[in-house]
N, C-alpha and C. Protein backbone atom coordinates (compact mmCIF):
# COMPACT_ATOMS: atom_id res chain seq x y z
N MET A 1 54.23 -46.10 -24.74
CA MET A 1 53.23 -46.05 -23.93
C MET A 1 54.99 -44.54 -23.32
N SER A 2 54.97 -43.55 -22.85
CA SER A 2 55.77 -42.67 -21.94
C SER A 2 55.25 -42.43 -20.87
N LEU A 3 56.31 -42.94 -20.07
CA LEU A 3 56.29 -42.32 -18.40
C LEU A 3 56.52 -40.31 -18.22
N LYS A 4 55.65 -40.19 -17.80
CA LYS A 4 55.56 -38.53 -18.09
C LYS A 4 55.62 -38.46 -15.88
N PRO A 5 56.31 -37.38 -16.17
CA PRO A 5 56.89 -36.80 -14.16
C PRO A 5 54.83 -36.90 -13.92
N ILE A 6 54.85 -36.78 -12.72
CA ILE A 6 53.50 -36.89 -11.76
C ILE A 6 53.45 -35.22 -12.16
N ASN A 7 54.07 -34.55 -11.92
CA ASN A 7 53.92 -32.98 -11.57
C ASN A 7 53.66 -32.37 -13.45
N ASP A 8 54.11 -33.18 -14.64
CA ASP A 8 53.16 -32.99 -15.16
C ASP A 8 51.68 -32.79 -15.65
N ILE A 9 51.88 -34.84 -15.47
CA ILE A 9 51.06 -34.99 -15.46
C ILE A 9 49.52 -33.88 -14.84
N LEU A 10 49.72 -33.96 -13.60
CA LEU A 10 49.03 -32.60 -12.87
C LEU A 10 48.88 -31.88 -13.66
N GLY A 11 49.89 -31.13 -14.56
CA GLY A 11 49.03 -29.83 -14.18
C GLY A 11 48.54 -29.31 -15.96
N ILE A 12 48.30 -30.58 -16.64
CA ILE A 12 48.21 -30.53 -17.69
C ILE A 12 46.24 -31.21 -16.99
N LEU A 13 45.67 -32.12 -15.84
CA LEU A 13 44.72 -32.11 -14.83
C LEU A 13 44.26 -30.54 -14.85
N GLU A 14 45.24 -29.95 -14.48
CA GLU A 14 44.57 -28.50 -13.66
C GLU A 14 44.29 -27.58 -14.78
N GLN A 15 45.35 -28.07 -15.84
CA GLN A 15 45.06 -26.85 -16.85
C GLN A 15 42.88 -27.68 -17.70
N GLN A 16 42.96 -28.29 -17.47
CA GLN A 16 41.50 -29.64 -18.13
C GLN A 16 41.09 -28.73 -17.15
N ALA A 17 40.27 -28.62 -16.42
CA ALA A 17 39.41 -28.57 -14.96
C ALA A 17 39.16 -27.00 -15.50
N LYS A 18 40.63 -25.94 -15.55
CA LYS A 18 40.27 -24.82 -15.65
C LYS A 18 39.44 -24.50 -16.57
N TRP A 19 40.08 -25.47 -17.77
CA TRP A 19 38.90 -25.28 -19.27
C TRP A 19 37.63 -25.71 -18.90
N ARG A 20 37.92 -26.39 -18.39
CA ARG A 20 36.34 -26.73 -17.89
C ARG A 20 35.16 -25.28 -16.79
N GLU A 21 36.07 -25.51 -16.58
CA GLU A 21 35.11 -24.17 -15.61
C GLU A 21 34.02 -23.12 -16.32
N ASP A 22 33.09 -23.04 -15.27
CA ASP A 22 32.33 -22.18 -15.58
C ASP A 22 32.55 -20.29 -15.88
N PRO A 23 32.68 -19.98 -17.33
CA PRO A 23 33.92 -18.34 -16.91
C PRO A 23 32.17 -17.53 -15.97
N PHE A 24 31.39 -17.68 -16.76
CA PHE A 24 30.41 -17.17 -15.98
C PHE A 24 30.72 -17.20 -14.38
N GLN A 25 30.37 -18.79 -13.98
CA GLN A 25 30.17 -18.31 -12.47
C GLN A 25 31.29 -17.64 -11.72
N LEU A 26 32.36 -18.05 -12.84
CA LEU A 26 33.92 -17.39 -11.75
C LEU A 26 34.31 -15.65 -11.79
N LEU A 27 32.80 -15.36 -13.10
CA LEU A 27 32.77 -13.89 -13.20
C LEU A 27 31.95 -13.40 -11.90
N ILE A 28 30.85 -13.90 -12.15
CA ILE A 28 30.08 -14.28 -10.64
C ILE A 28 30.78 -14.22 -9.01
N GLN A 29 31.47 -14.70 -8.81
CA GLN A 29 32.38 -15.44 -7.69
C GLN A 29 33.26 -13.71 -7.47
N SER A 30 33.52 -13.15 -8.85
CA SER A 30 34.29 -11.71 -8.51
C SER A 30 34.44 -11.41 -8.77
N TRP A 31 32.70 -10.68 -8.99
CA TRP A 31 32.17 -9.38 -9.43
C TRP A 31 32.40 -8.16 -8.56
N ALA A 32 32.52 -8.62 -6.85
CA ALA A 32 32.78 -8.13 -6.80
C ALA A 32 34.21 -6.61 -6.68
N GLU A 33 35.07 -7.66 -6.31
CA GLU A 33 36.21 -7.33 -6.83
C GLU A 33 36.58 -7.30 -7.81
N ILE A 34 36.20 -7.10 -8.81
CA ILE A 34 35.94 -6.42 -9.93
C ILE A 34 35.74 -5.04 -10.11
N VAL A 35 34.46 -4.57 -9.50
CA VAL A 35 33.91 -3.52 -9.82
C VAL A 35 33.53 -3.03 -8.58
N GLY A 36 34.56 -3.25 -7.04
CA GLY A 36 34.27 -2.72 -6.10
C GLY A 36 32.89 -2.77 -5.28
N THR A 37 32.97 -2.98 -3.94
CA THR A 37 32.65 -3.64 -2.92
C THR A 37 30.69 -2.67 -3.28
N VAL A 38 30.79 -1.36 -3.11
CA VAL A 38 29.76 -0.29 -3.18
C VAL A 38 29.14 -0.39 -4.49
N ALA A 39 29.69 -0.77 -5.71
CA ALA A 39 28.94 -1.46 -7.54
C ALA A 39 28.80 -2.15 -7.07
N ALA A 40 29.23 -3.27 -6.31
CA ALA A 40 28.94 -4.84 -6.68
C ALA A 40 27.19 -4.55 -5.23
N LYS A 41 27.26 -4.24 -4.49
CA LYS A 41 25.45 -3.65 -4.26
C LYS A 41 25.35 -3.77 -4.76
N HIS A 42 25.20 -2.85 -6.03
CA HIS A 42 24.12 -2.03 -6.50
C HIS A 42 23.39 -3.00 -8.21
N SER A 43 24.73 -3.47 -8.50
CA SER A 43 24.71 -4.16 -9.49
C SER A 43 25.15 -5.58 -10.12
N ARG A 44 24.60 -6.81 -9.89
CA ARG A 44 24.34 -8.13 -11.15
C ARG A 44 24.67 -8.58 -12.36
N PRO A 45 25.74 -9.26 -12.35
CA PRO A 45 25.85 -9.94 -13.76
C PRO A 45 24.29 -10.71 -13.75
N LEU A 46 23.81 -10.35 -15.20
CA LEU A 46 22.53 -10.90 -16.06
C LEU A 46 23.27 -12.51 -16.44
N SER A 47 23.60 -12.15 -17.83
CA SER A 47 24.13 -13.43 -18.70
C SER A 47 25.94 -12.90 -19.59
N MET A 48 26.05 -13.90 -20.09
CA MET A 48 26.72 -13.48 -21.42
C MET A 48 26.37 -14.18 -22.52
N GLN A 49 26.34 -13.25 -23.67
CA GLN A 49 26.06 -13.92 -25.11
C GLN A 49 27.60 -13.05 -26.15
N ARG A 50 27.73 -14.16 -26.43
CA ARG A 50 28.29 -13.49 -27.99
C ARG A 50 29.63 -12.05 -27.39
N ASP A 51 30.11 -12.55 -26.03
CA ASP A 51 30.99 -11.92 -25.94
C ASP A 51 30.50 -10.40 -25.42
N VAL A 52 29.52 -10.35 -24.86
CA VAL A 52 28.74 -8.94 -23.94
C VAL A 52 28.23 -9.31 -23.28
N LEU A 53 28.54 -8.99 -22.16
CA LEU A 53 28.38 -8.62 -21.02
C LEU A 53 26.62 -8.02 -19.82
N ARG A 54 26.03 -9.07 -19.93
CA ARG A 54 24.61 -8.18 -19.15
C ARG A 54 25.00 -7.95 -18.26
N VAL A 55 24.93 -6.65 -17.44
CA VAL A 55 24.56 -6.60 -16.53
C VAL A 55 23.32 -5.89 -15.25
N ALA A 56 21.92 -6.06 -14.52
CA ALA A 56 22.09 -5.24 -13.99
C ALA A 56 21.84 -4.59 -13.60
N THR A 57 21.26 -3.32 -13.38
CA THR A 57 22.41 -2.07 -11.91
C THR A 57 20.19 -2.18 -11.40
N SER A 58 20.69 -1.30 -10.21
CA SER A 58 19.50 -1.09 -9.38
C SER A 58 18.93 0.72 -9.50
N SER A 59 19.54 1.73 -10.66
CA SER A 59 18.80 2.59 -10.71
C SER A 59 19.19 3.20 -12.37
N ALA A 60 19.21 3.76 -13.02
CA ALA A 60 19.36 4.56 -14.04
C ALA A 60 20.82 4.81 -13.75
N ALA A 61 21.04 5.36 -12.55
CA ALA A 61 21.75 6.44 -12.50
C ALA A 61 23.68 5.04 -12.23
N TRP A 62 23.01 4.39 -11.93
CA TRP A 62 24.06 3.10 -11.92
C TRP A 62 24.82 2.43 -12.79
N ALA A 63 23.76 2.54 -13.81
CA ALA A 63 23.43 2.52 -15.05
C ALA A 63 24.51 3.07 -15.77
N GLN A 64 24.33 4.06 -15.11
CA GLN A 64 25.20 5.42 -16.32
C GLN A 64 26.34 5.57 -15.85
N ASN A 65 26.27 5.82 -14.55
CA ASN A 65 28.00 5.76 -14.05
C ASN A 65 28.69 3.49 -14.41
N LEU A 66 27.94 3.03 -14.05
CA LEU A 66 28.74 1.86 -14.80
C LEU A 66 29.18 2.13 -16.67
N THR A 67 28.87 2.47 -17.56
CA THR A 67 28.86 2.01 -18.34
C THR A 67 29.27 3.73 -18.61
N PHE A 68 30.15 4.84 -18.53
CA PHE A 68 31.32 5.34 -18.56
C PHE A 68 32.01 5.11 -17.80
N SER A 69 32.47 3.43 -17.44
CA SER A 69 33.81 3.19 -16.28
C SER A 69 33.55 1.45 -17.41
N ARG A 70 32.92 1.09 -18.50
CA ARG A 70 32.57 -0.31 -18.75
C ARG A 70 34.34 -0.86 -18.81
N GLN A 71 35.40 0.94 -20.00
CA GLN A 71 36.64 0.29 -20.82
C GLN A 71 37.22 -0.18 -19.88
N ALA A 72 37.07 0.04 -18.58
CA ALA A 72 38.22 -0.45 -17.54
C ALA A 72 38.22 -1.02 -16.76
N LEU A 73 36.71 -1.75 -17.24
CA LEU A 73 36.30 -2.68 -16.13
C LEU A 73 36.30 -4.18 -16.91
N LEU A 74 36.44 -3.52 -18.54
CA LEU A 74 36.68 -5.12 -19.47
C LEU A 74 37.86 -5.54 -19.52
N VAL A 75 38.33 -3.88 -19.23
CA VAL A 75 40.25 -4.74 -18.88
C VAL A 75 40.91 -5.51 -17.69
N LYS A 76 39.91 -5.32 -16.36
CA LYS A 76 40.18 -6.04 -15.15
C LYS A 76 39.32 -7.75 -15.42
N LEU A 77 38.59 -7.58 -15.98
CA LEU A 77 37.70 -8.65 -16.59
C LEU A 77 37.98 -9.88 -17.54
N ASN A 78 38.72 -9.00 -18.44
CA ASN A 78 39.53 -10.49 -19.56
C ASN A 78 41.24 -10.57 -18.40
N ALA A 79 41.32 -10.07 -18.00
CA ALA A 79 42.86 -10.22 -17.52
C ALA A 79 42.89 -10.63 -16.78
N LYS A 80 41.56 -10.36 -15.21
CA LYS A 80 41.85 -11.68 -14.08
C LYS A 80 40.65 -12.78 -14.38
N LEU A 81 40.08 -13.08 -15.19
CA LEU A 81 39.78 -13.89 -15.82
C LEU A 81 39.66 -14.66 -16.83
N SER A 82 40.77 -14.38 -17.89
CA SER A 82 40.82 -14.95 -19.00
C SER A 82 39.80 -14.89 -19.65
N MET A 83 39.41 -13.90 -20.01
CA MET A 83 37.93 -13.51 -20.75
C MET A 83 38.60 -13.03 -22.34
N SER A 84 37.45 -13.07 -23.06
CA SER A 84 37.37 -12.26 -24.23
C SER A 84 36.45 -11.57 -24.69
N LEU A 85 35.66 -10.26 -23.29
CA LEU A 85 34.30 -10.05 -23.48
C LEU A 85 34.87 -8.72 -24.05
N VAL A 86 34.18 -7.93 -25.44
CA VAL A 86 34.49 -7.23 -26.46
C VAL A 86 33.35 -5.77 -25.61
N ASP A 87 32.08 -6.45 -24.73
CA ASP A 87 31.69 -5.15 -24.25
C ASP A 87 31.46 -5.62 -23.64
N MET A 88 30.07 -4.16 -22.74
CA MET A 88 28.99 -4.20 -21.37
C MET A 88 27.69 -3.36 -21.76
N ARG A 89 27.28 -4.10 -21.24
CA ARG A 89 25.81 -3.37 -21.60
C ARG A 89 24.97 -3.47 -20.07
N PHE A 90 24.44 -2.27 -19.70
CA PHE A 90 24.09 -2.64 -17.82
C PHE A 90 22.69 -1.28 -18.21
N SER A 91 22.16 -1.62 -17.43
CA SER A 91 20.01 -2.15 -17.73
C SER A 91 19.42 -1.86 -16.28
N THR A 92 18.73 -0.75 -16.17
CA THR A 92 17.59 -1.58 -14.64
C THR A 92 16.65 -2.91 -14.79
N ALA A 93 16.99 -3.31 -16.00
CA ALA A 93 16.40 -4.22 -16.93
C ALA A 93 16.45 -5.77 -15.91
N GLY A 94 15.85 -6.67 -15.45
CA GLY A 94 16.16 -8.03 -14.63
C GLY A 94 16.36 -7.55 -13.42
N TRP A 95 16.95 -6.94 -12.34
CA TRP A 95 17.45 -5.88 -11.60
C TRP A 95 16.34 -6.75 -10.16
N GLN A 96 14.89 -6.35 -10.37
CA GLN A 96 13.84 -6.80 -9.59
C GLN A 96 13.93 -8.56 -9.38
N LYS A 97 14.16 -9.08 -10.30
CA LYS A 97 13.72 -10.44 -10.56
C LYS A 97 15.21 -10.62 -10.35
N SER A 98 16.41 -11.02 -10.48
CA SER A 98 17.10 -11.30 -9.96
C SER A 98 17.32 -10.50 -8.66
N LYS A 99 17.09 -9.31 -8.00
CA LYS A 99 16.74 -9.65 -6.37
C LYS A 99 16.27 -10.46 -5.98
N GLU A 100 15.01 -10.67 -6.52
CA GLU A 100 14.23 -11.60 -5.93
C GLU A 100 14.65 -13.68 -5.61
N VAL A 101 15.69 -13.37 -7.04
CA VAL A 101 16.11 -15.01 -6.74
C VAL A 101 17.32 -14.76 -5.64
N SER A 102 17.98 -13.98 -5.29
CA SER A 102 18.75 -13.76 -3.82
C SER A 102 18.35 -13.94 -2.75
N GLN A 103 17.39 -13.68 -2.39
CA GLN A 103 16.55 -13.27 -1.31
C GLN A 103 16.85 -14.69 -0.44
N PRO A 104 16.77 -15.15 0.59
CA PRO A 104 16.67 -16.02 1.07
C PRO A 104 15.19 -16.19 1.48
N GLN A 105 13.97 -17.21 1.27
CA GLN A 105 12.53 -17.39 1.71
C GLN A 105 13.18 -16.91 3.28
N PRO A 106 11.40 -16.90 3.69
CA PRO A 106 11.12 -17.08 5.08
C PRO A 106 10.78 -18.05 5.61
N SER A 107 11.55 -18.20 6.24
CA SER A 107 11.13 -19.47 7.85
C SER A 107 10.60 -19.42 9.00
N PHE A 108 9.61 -20.25 9.45
CA PHE A 108 9.41 -20.06 10.68
C PHE A 108 9.15 -21.41 11.17
N LEU A 109 8.94 -21.27 12.65
CA LEU A 109 9.15 -22.62 13.41
C LEU A 109 7.93 -23.50 12.60
N PRO A 110 8.72 -24.80 13.70
CA PRO A 110 7.06 -25.51 13.21
C PRO A 110 6.16 -25.59 13.85
N SER A 111 6.77 -25.33 15.41
CA SER A 111 5.23 -24.75 16.11
C SER A 111 4.75 -24.07 16.28
N GLU A 112 4.83 -22.88 15.15
CA GLU A 112 4.01 -21.96 14.03
C GLU A 112 2.91 -22.87 13.70
N HIS A 113 2.80 -23.86 13.00
CA HIS A 113 2.25 -24.12 12.12
C HIS A 113 1.06 -24.75 12.50
N PRO A 114 -0.41 -24.55 12.26
CA PRO A 114 -1.83 -25.03 12.93
C PRO A 114 -1.75 -26.57 12.99
N SER A 115 -0.91 -27.55 12.36
CA SER A 115 -0.58 -28.71 11.97
C SER A 115 0.29 -29.86 13.21
N TYR A 116 0.55 -28.65 13.73
CA TYR A 116 1.71 -28.48 15.18
C TYR A 116 1.25 -29.77 15.84
N LEU A 117 2.12 -30.50 16.05
CA LEU A 117 1.62 -31.16 17.69
C LEU A 117 2.43 -31.09 19.25
N GLY A 118 3.13 -30.70 18.89
CA GLY A 118 4.52 -30.96 20.00
C GLY A 118 4.45 -31.85 20.54
N ASP A 119 4.95 -31.53 21.68
CA ASP A 119 5.94 -33.17 22.29
C ASP A 119 4.58 -33.32 23.61
N ILE A 120 3.41 -33.48 23.26
CA ILE A 120 2.05 -33.63 23.92
C ILE A 120 1.44 -35.13 23.97
N HIS A 121 2.36 -36.31 23.32
CA HIS A 121 2.05 -37.82 23.29
C HIS A 121 3.21 -38.39 23.48
N ASN A 122 3.23 -39.62 24.72
CA ASN A 122 4.62 -39.71 24.88
C ASN A 122 4.53 -41.49 24.23
N TYR A 123 5.59 -41.35 22.95
CA TYR A 123 5.60 -42.01 21.69
C TYR A 123 6.38 -43.38 22.59
N SER A 124 6.71 -43.56 23.91
CA SER A 124 7.33 -44.75 24.66
C SER A 124 6.85 -46.27 24.08
N THR A 125 5.54 -46.37 24.00
CA THR A 125 5.12 -47.60 23.20
C THR A 125 5.61 -47.36 21.55
N VAL A 126 5.78 -46.95 20.58
CA VAL A 126 6.16 -46.94 19.96
C VAL A 126 7.90 -47.43 19.52
N SER A 127 8.10 -48.06 18.34
CA SER A 127 9.67 -48.73 18.91
C SER A 127 9.89 -48.14 17.92
N LYS A 128 11.65 -47.57 18.25
CA LYS A 128 12.57 -46.67 16.58
C LYS A 128 13.89 -47.48 16.31
N THR A 129 13.27 -48.59 16.25
CA THR A 129 13.67 -49.54 14.98
C THR A 129 13.94 -49.81 14.37
N THR A 130 14.79 -49.62 13.10
CA THR A 130 15.43 -49.66 11.87
C THR A 130 14.25 -50.65 11.03
N GLU A 131 13.79 -50.24 10.00
CA GLU A 131 12.32 -50.69 9.37
C GLU A 131 13.42 -52.35 8.75
N GLN A 132 12.75 -53.29 8.24
CA GLN A 132 13.31 -54.29 7.60
C GLN A 132 12.83 -54.60 5.99
N ASN A 133 11.42 -54.28 6.28
CA ASN A 133 10.55 -54.44 5.02
C ASN A 133 9.47 -53.15 4.74
N ALA A 134 9.27 -53.06 4.00
CA ALA A 134 7.84 -51.81 3.93
C ALA A 134 7.01 -51.99 4.14
N ASN A 135 6.66 -53.85 4.47
CA ASN A 135 5.34 -53.59 5.34
C ASN A 135 5.74 -53.78 6.48
N GLN A 136 6.59 -54.07 7.52
CA GLN A 136 7.35 -53.52 8.52
C GLN A 136 7.26 -52.32 8.88
N ALA A 137 7.70 -51.41 7.91
CA ALA A 137 7.68 -49.89 7.90
C ALA A 137 5.91 -49.49 7.32
N PHE A 138 5.28 -49.84 7.33
CA PHE A 138 4.04 -49.21 7.43
C PHE A 138 3.48 -50.02 8.38
N GLU A 139 3.38 -50.62 9.25
CA GLU A 139 2.60 -50.98 11.03
C GLU A 139 3.53 -50.21 11.72
N SER A 140 4.03 -49.15 11.50
CA SER A 140 5.25 -48.49 12.95
C SER A 140 4.96 -47.22 12.27
N TRP A 141 4.83 -46.69 10.82
CA TRP A 141 3.78 -46.04 10.60
C TRP A 141 2.70 -45.26 11.03
N SER A 142 1.69 -47.41 10.80
CA SER A 142 0.73 -46.74 11.56
C SER A 142 0.18 -46.81 12.80
N ARG A 143 1.01 -47.49 13.73
CA ARG A 143 1.46 -47.31 14.91
C ARG A 143 1.98 -46.17 15.95
N ILE A 144 2.34 -44.84 14.84
CA ILE A 144 2.93 -43.85 15.39
C ILE A 144 2.18 -42.69 15.43
N ARG A 145 0.85 -43.40 14.09
CA ARG A 145 -0.30 -42.50 13.92
C ARG A 145 -1.02 -42.27 14.69
N GLN A 146 -1.50 -43.81 15.15
CA GLN A 146 -2.37 -44.23 16.10
C GLN A 146 -2.31 -43.54 17.77
N ALA A 147 -0.48 -43.71 17.52
CA ALA A 147 -0.76 -43.05 19.50
C ALA A 147 -0.49 -41.66 18.85
N ARG A 148 0.09 -40.75 18.06
CA ARG A 148 0.14 -39.44 17.37
C ARG A 148 -1.65 -38.97 18.10
N SER A 149 -3.29 -39.76 17.56
CA SER A 149 -3.73 -38.91 17.24
C SER A 149 -4.81 -39.08 18.33
N GLN A 150 -4.82 -39.83 19.31
CA GLN A 150 -4.98 -40.37 20.74
C GLN A 150 -6.04 -38.78 21.69
N GLY A 151 -6.44 -38.56 21.46
CA GLY A 151 -7.23 -37.64 23.07
C GLY A 151 -7.44 -36.09 21.93
N LEU A 152 -6.90 -36.30 20.30
CA LEU A 152 -7.07 -35.46 19.81
C LEU A 152 -8.35 -34.86 19.66
N PRO A 153 -8.96 -33.37 19.33
CA PRO A 153 -10.74 -33.23 19.14
C PRO A 153 -10.58 -34.50 17.62
N LEU A 154 -12.02 -34.19 17.02
CA LEU A 154 -12.57 -34.56 16.43
C LEU A 154 -12.93 -32.95 15.16
N CYS A 155 -12.94 -34.03 13.37
CA CYS A 155 -13.42 -33.21 12.96
C CYS A 155 -14.84 -32.56 12.87
N SER A 156 -14.77 -31.60 12.65
CA SER A 156 -16.99 -32.28 12.66
C SER A 156 -17.13 -32.54 11.88
N GLN A 157 -17.01 -32.01 10.29
CA GLN A 157 -16.78 -32.76 9.62
C GLN A 157 -16.77 -34.43 8.74
N CYS A 158 -15.54 -34.85 8.89
CA CYS A 158 -15.75 -36.18 9.01
C CYS A 158 -14.99 -36.23 10.23
N GLN A 159 -15.54 -36.55 11.38
CA GLN A 159 -14.59 -36.95 11.95
C GLN A 159 -13.12 -37.75 12.33
N SER A 160 -12.35 -37.26 11.95
CA SER A 160 -10.87 -37.86 12.38
C SER A 160 -10.71 -36.45 12.96
N PRO A 161 -9.22 -37.27 13.86
CA PRO A 161 -8.64 -37.10 15.18
C PRO A 161 -8.10 -36.20 13.66
N THR A 162 -7.87 -34.40 14.73
CA THR A 162 -7.70 -33.05 13.88
C THR A 162 -6.50 -32.60 14.81
N PRO A 163 -5.70 -32.03 15.15
CA PRO A 163 -4.92 -31.05 15.70
C PRO A 163 -5.13 -29.62 16.25
N PRO A 164 -5.77 -29.34 17.45
CA PRO A 164 -6.32 -27.96 17.82
C PRO A 164 -6.11 -26.75 16.86
N GLY A 165 -4.75 -26.58 16.28
CA GLY A 165 -4.67 -25.46 16.06
C GLY A 165 -5.60 -25.62 14.28
N GLU A 166 -5.96 -26.37 13.82
CA GLU A 166 -6.44 -26.54 12.88
C GLU A 166 -7.49 -26.33 12.73
N LEU A 167 -8.34 -26.85 13.22
CA LEU A 167 -9.87 -26.86 14.20
C LEU A 167 -10.03 -24.97 14.30
N GLN A 168 -8.58 -24.32 15.38
CA GLN A 168 -8.93 -23.30 15.53
C GLN A 168 -8.53 -22.04 14.30
N ARG A 169 -7.96 -22.62 13.48
CA ARG A 169 -7.80 -21.81 11.96
C ARG A 169 -9.29 -21.71 11.17
N TRP A 170 -9.02 -23.55 11.12
CA TRP A 170 -10.18 -23.39 9.60
C TRP A 170 -11.79 -23.80 10.56
N GLY A 171 -11.63 -24.40 11.65
CA GLY A 171 -13.09 -24.87 11.66
C GLY A 171 -13.32 -25.84 12.27
N VAL A 172 -11.94 -26.75 10.71
CA VAL A 172 -12.01 -27.86 10.38
C VAL A 172 -11.15 -28.58 10.59
N CYS A 173 -10.84 -30.17 10.51
CA CYS A 173 -8.88 -30.38 9.52
C CYS A 173 -8.79 -29.65 8.40
N ALA A 174 -7.64 -29.59 8.04
CA ALA A 174 -6.82 -29.46 6.64
C ALA A 174 -7.22 -29.96 5.40
N LEU A 175 -7.57 -31.02 5.61
CA LEU A 175 -8.63 -31.39 4.39
C LEU A 175 -10.22 -30.95 3.80
N CYS A 176 -9.99 -31.49 5.36
CA CYS A 176 -12.18 -30.66 4.35
C CYS A 176 -11.88 -29.39 4.55
N SER A 177 -10.56 -28.12 5.07
CA SER A 177 -11.28 -27.02 4.67
C SER A 177 -10.72 -26.96 3.22
N VAL A 178 -9.75 -27.57 3.07
CA VAL A 178 -9.34 -27.90 1.23
C VAL A 178 -10.41 -27.95 0.54
N LYS A 179 -11.24 -29.24 0.99
CA LYS A 179 -12.94 -29.35 -0.29
C LYS A 179 -13.42 -27.94 0.30
N GLN A 180 -13.59 -27.52 1.00
CA GLN A 180 -14.45 -26.47 1.15
C GLN A 180 -13.85 -25.41 0.47
N SER A 181 -12.49 -25.03 0.23
CA SER A 181 -12.13 -23.74 -0.55
C SER A 181 -12.53 -24.33 -2.40
N SER A 182 -12.42 -25.66 -2.54
CA SER A 182 -12.18 -25.96 -3.44
C SER A 182 -13.57 -25.52 -4.11
N ASN A 183 -14.81 -25.75 -3.62
CA ASN A 183 -16.11 -26.03 -3.29
C ASN A 183 -16.63 -24.70 -3.94
N ASN A 184 -15.49 -24.11 -3.04
CA ASN A 184 -16.16 -22.20 -3.20
C ASN A 184 -15.42 -21.41 -4.92
N ILE A 185 -14.76 -22.37 -4.75
CA ILE A 185 -13.88 -21.94 -6.86
C ILE A 185 -15.14 -21.99 -7.76
């Protein structure tokens, strides 16, 4: 057993960690720095196969523009990321698909949902203790459900307590609405 200084061991571990890093993820992270911020807005790396990088562009003009500067980009990429890319291919194919993935899904407030009950009811009768087992958890859930359903209007089909928003939107509870729509298919 040899005794190596900690700095040598840390250096070896750091090299191993860099070796294991995904080169494509590093490329994506530094894409704007390599191609420039304007070109980065109109291009996205899609994949790397057999030392060829495929890049989606927002238009054919951007694909042509980047194709003309691909040799300079290859030099930058290979130097910055310690890669051995041979070529780059630019195309508008995949631009819409990759754009959809990067856009966040629109969110809505819970109060906008038809099943939202809000703070209509006082839950002071329901204990907020941590449950010890499944039976106690079910009993607590059951008490909460009963407390929440007090005073709610009833569904015209199944007579179950239903949030007013569901009745306004569908005329019945959500479950009966699903049953109606599946029967119509």
